[in-house]
C-alpha atoms as a PDB file:
ATOM      1  CA  MET A   1      25.191  -4.758  -1.625  1.00  0.00           C
ATOM      2  CA  PHE A   2      22.314  -3.394   0.468  1.00  0.00           C
ATOM      3  CA  ILE A   3      23.309   0.222  -0.181  1.00  0.00           C
ATOM      4  CA  LYS A   4      23.362  -0.389  -3.927  1.00  0.00           C
ATOM      5  CA  GLN A   5      19.887  -1.976  -3.828  1.00  0.00           C
ATOM      6  CA  LYS A   6      18.485   0.897  -1.753  1.00  0.00           C
ATOM      7  CA  ASN A   7      19.911   3.511  -4.123  1.00  0.00           C
ATOM      8  CA  SER A   8      18.471   1.621  -7.075  1.00  0.00           C
ATOM      9  CA  ARG A   9      15.020   1.484  -5.453  1.00  0.00           C
ATOM     10  CA  ASP A  10      15.248   5.198  -4.629  1.00  0.00           C
ATOM     11  CA  ARG A  11      15.883   6.018  -8.289  1.00  0.00           C
ATOM     12  CA  ILE A  12      12.949   3.858  -9.364  1.00  0.00           C
ATOM     13  CA  ARG A  13      10.709   5.407  -6.686  1.00  0.00           C
ATOM     14  CA  LYS A  14      11.558   8.936  -7.823  1.00  0.00           C
ATOM     15  CA  ARG A  15      10.812   8.034 -11.428  1.00  0.00           C
ATOM     16  CA  ILE A  16       7.431   6.561 -10.449  1.00  0.00           C
ATOM     17  CA  ARG A  17       6.523   9.529  -8.237  1.00  0.00           C
ATOM     18  CA  SER A  18       7.288  11.981 -11.041  1.00  0.00           C
ATOM     19  CA  LYS A  19       4.513  10.369 -13.077  1.00  0.00           C
ATOM     20  CA  ILE A  20       1.787   9.672 -10.500  1.00  0.00           C
ATOM     21  CA  SER A  21       0.076  11.815  -7.893  1.00  0.00           C
ATOM     22  CA  GLY A  22      -2.883  11.354  -5.591  1.00  0.00           C
ATOM     23  CA  THR A  23      -5.937  13.604  -5.623  1.00  0.00           C
ATOM     24  CA  PRO A  24      -8.821  13.845  -3.134  1.00  0.00           C
ATOM     25  CA  THR A  25     -11.069  11.777  -5.421  1.00  0.00           C
ATOM     26  CA  ARG A  26      -8.342   9.359  -6.565  1.00  0.00           C
ATOM     27  CA  PRO A  27      -5.630   9.070  -3.891  1.00  0.00           C
ATOM     28  CA  ARG A  28      -2.308   7.265  -4.185  1.00  0.00           C
ATOM     29  CA  LEU A  29      -2.071   3.812  -2.570  1.00  0.00           C
ATOM     30  CA  SER A  30       1.512   3.714  -1.303  1.00  0.00           C
ATOM     31  CA  VAL A  31       3.212   0.509  -0.143  1.00  0.00           C
ATOM     32  CA  PHE A  32       6.191   0.109   2.192  1.00  0.00           C
ATOM     33  CA  LYS A  33       7.885  -3.135   3.235  1.00  0.00           C
ATOM     34  CA  SER A  34      10.164  -3.539   6.212  1.00  0.00           C
ATOM     35  CA  SER A  35      11.936  -6.752   7.085  1.00  0.00           C
ATOM     36  CA  LYS A  36       9.055  -7.859   9.341  1.00  0.00           C
ATOM     37  CA  HIS A  37       5.954  -5.845   8.445  1.00  0.00           C
ATOM     38  CA  ILE A  38       4.048  -4.380   5.508  1.00  0.00           C
ATOM     39  CA  TYR A  39       2.350  -0.978   5.394  1.00  0.00           C
ATOM     40  CA  ALA A  40      -0.136   0.663   3.017  1.00  0.00           C
ATOM     41  CA  GLN A  41      -1.666   4.112   2.993  1.00  0.00           C
ATOM     42  CA  LEU A  42      -3.946   6.214   0.819  1.00  0.00           C
ATOM     43  CA  ILE A  43      -2.440   9.663   0.292  1.00  0.00           C
ATOM     44  CA  ASP A  44      -3.950  12.859  -1.111  1.00  0.00           C
ATOM     45  CA  ASP A  45      -0.852  14.611  -2.481  1.00  0.00           C
ATOM     46  CA  ILE A  46      -2.642  17.860  -3.331  1.00  0.00           C
ATOM     47  CA  ASN A  47      -3.706  18.520   0.265  1.00  0.00           C
ATOM     48  CA  ALA A  48      -0.767  16.535   1.722  1.00  0.00           C
ATOM     49  CA  ILE A  49      -2.905  14.310   3.963  1.00  0.00           C
ATOM     50  CA  THR A  50      -3.187  10.598   4.602  1.00  0.00           C
ATOM     51  CA  ILE A  51      -6.765   9.451   4.101  1.00  0.00           C
ATOM     52  CA  ALA A  52      -6.411   5.875   5.365  1.00  0.00           C
ATOM     53  CA  HIS A  53      -3.615   3.619   6.532  1.00  0.00           C
ATOM     54  CA  ALA A  54      -3.159   0.031   7.596  1.00  0.00           C
ATOM     55  CA  SER A  55      -0.301  -2.291   8.377  1.00  0.00           C
ATOM     56  CA  SER A  56       0.402  -5.736   9.709  1.00  0.00           C
ATOM     57  CA  LEU A  57       0.737  -3.979  13.099  1.00  0.00           C
ATOM     58  CA  THR A  58      -2.840  -2.649  13.075  1.00  0.00           C
ATOM     59  CA  PRO A  59      -4.453  -3.987  16.286  1.00  0.00           C
ATOM     60  CA  SER A  60      -7.484  -5.485  14.532  1.00  0.00           C
ATOM     61  CA  LEU A  61      -5.226  -7.416  12.146  1.00  0.00           C
ATOM     62  CA  LYS A  62      -2.359  -8.238  14.489  1.00  0.00           C
ATOM     63  CA  ALA A  63      -4.335 -10.638  16.659  1.00  0.00           C
ATOM     64  CA  GLU A  64      -6.113 -12.179  13.675  1.00  0.00           C
ATOM     65  CA  LEU A  65      -2.909 -12.784  11.692  1.00  0.00           C
ATOM     66  CA  GLU A  66      -0.701 -13.949  14.546  1.00  0.00           C
ATOM     67  CA  ASN A  67       0.483 -17.210  12.957  1.00  0.00           C
ATOM     68  CA  LYS A  68      -0.078 -16.391   9.279  1.00  0.00           C
ATOM     69  CA  GLY A  69       2.482 -15.974   6.522  1.00  0.00           C
ATOM     70  CA  GLY A  70       3.558 -12.756   4.869  1.00  0.00           C
ATOM     71  CA  LEU A  71       1.341 -13.109   1.797  1.00  0.00           C
ATOM     72  CA  GLU A  72      -1.778 -13.601   3.918  1.00  0.00           C
ATOM     73  CA  LYS A  73      -0.856 -10.557   6.013  1.00  0.00           C
ATOM     74  CA  ALA A  74      -0.334  -8.437   2.900  1.00  0.00           C
ATOM     75  CA  ASN A  75      -3.684  -9.504   1.455  1.00  0.00           C
ATOM     76  CA  ALA A  76      -5.444  -8.651   4.731  1.00  0.00           C
ATOM     77  CA  VAL A  77      -3.735  -5.224   4.841  1.00  0.00           C
ATOM     78  CA  GLY A  78      -4.943  -4.533   1.287  1.00  0.00           C
ATOM     79  CA  LYS A  79      -8.509  -5.502   2.192  1.00  0.00           C
ATOM     80  CA  LEU A  80      -8.443  -3.314   5.307  1.00  0.00           C
ATOM     81  CA  VAL A  81      -7.200  -0.281   3.361  1.00  0.00           C
ATOM     82  CA  ALA A  82      -9.941  -0.875   0.774  1.00  0.00           C
ATOM     83  CA  LYS A  83     -12.557  -1.045   3.541  1.00  0.00           C
ATOM     84  CA  MET A  84     -11.300   2.229   5.024  1.00  0.00           C
ATOM     85  CA  ALA A  85     -11.379   3.795   1.552  1.00  0.00           C
ATOM     86  CA  THR A  86     -14.978   2.763   0.931  1.00  0.00           C
ATOM     87  CA  ASP A  87     -15.892   4.184   4.337  1.00  0.00           C
ATOM     88  CA  ALA A  88     -14.391   7.490   3.123  1.00  0.00           C
ATOM     89  CA  ASN A  89     -16.392   7.242  -0.174  1.00  0.00           C
ATOM     90  CA  ILE A  90     -13.335   6.468  -2.315  1.00  0.00           C
ATOM     91  CA  THR A  91     -13.732   3.868  -5.049  1.00  0.00           C
ATOM     92  CA  SER A  92     -10.575   4.267  -7.134  1.00  0.00           C
ATOM     93  CA  CYS A  93      -6.913   5.011  -6.501  1.00  0.00           C
ATOM     94  CA  VAL A  94      -3.490   5.115  -8.124  1.00  0.00           C
ATOM     95  CA  PHE A  95      -1.147   2.293  -7.109  1.00  0.00           C
ATOM     96  CA  ASP A  96       2.359   3.318  -5.992  1.00  0.00           C
ATOM     97  CA  ARG A  97       4.630   0.298  -5.565  1.00  0.00           C
ATOM     98  CA  SER A  98       7.424   2.543  -4.185  1.00  0.00           C
ATOM     99  CA  GLY A  99      10.141   1.044  -6.330  1.00  0.00           C
ATOM    100  CA  TYR A 100       9.459  -2.554  -5.295  1.00  0.00           C
ATOM    101  CA  ALA A 101       8.921  -5.214  -7.953  1.00  0.00           C
ATOM    102  CA  TYR A 102       5.262  -6.047  -8.536  1.00  0.00           C
ATOM    103  CA  HIS A 103       5.273  -9.561  -7.107  1.00  0.00           C
ATOM    104  CA  GLY A 104       4.998 -11.219  -3.724  1.00  0.00           C
ATOM    105  CA  LEU A 105       3.852  -8.914  -0.937  1.00  0.00           C
ATOM    106  CA  VAL A 106       3.279  -5.894  -3.178  1.00  0.00           C
ATOM    107  CA  ARG A 107       1.077  -7.902  -5.523  1.00  0.00           C
ATOM    108  CA  GLU A 108      -0.880  -9.374  -2.601  1.00  0.00           C
ATOM    109  CA  ILE A 109      -1.641  -5.891  -1.236  1.00  0.00           C
ATOM    110  CA  ALA A 110      -2.916  -4.878  -4.672  1.00  0.00           C
ATOM    111  CA  GLU A 111      -5.059  -7.999  -4.991  1.00  0.00           C
ATOM    112  CA  GLY A 112      -6.443  -7.558  -1.476  1.00  0.00           C
ATOM    113  CA  ALA A 113      -7.348  -3.938  -2.246  1.00  0.00           C
ATOM    114  CA  ARG A 114      -9.075  -5.020  -5.456  1.00  0.00           C
ATOM    115  CA  GLU A 115     -10.990  -7.728  -3.565  1.00  0.00           C
ATOM    116  CA  GLY A 116     -12.024  -5.047  -1.064  1.00  0.00           C
ATOM    117  CA  GLY A 117     -13.514  -2.920  -3.835  1.00  0.00           C
ATOM    118  CA  LEU A 118     -10.795  -0.447  -4.876  1.00  0.00           C
ATOM    119  CA  LYS A 119     -10.223   0.082  -8.583  1.00  0.00           C
ATOM    120  CA  PHE A 120      -6.849   0.942 -10.078  1.00  0.00           C
END
């Protein structure tokens, strides 16, 4: 079952990535979920660099979110990525959900990034 789900998500991810791309002025906000942690990064696909990244393992967040739930962690990761983006003079981005459904943790990252000031 897991292999079938992964292959399905890979097909969806490839379809999404064929349509969106990050630029230096409007990078791609990519999301990845593992079984325990959530990761987000702003990527400039033209120059192939990561502009900003945050995860539930980031030291500043890890201590703060020690006994919090997954949704609260995802929201905090989104806010931190948005803060790093504004520090790099980036106000808008393209959201890449990486084949995950737009609900739960993925939605919370997006809402946290919007609360932090990113537009997409």
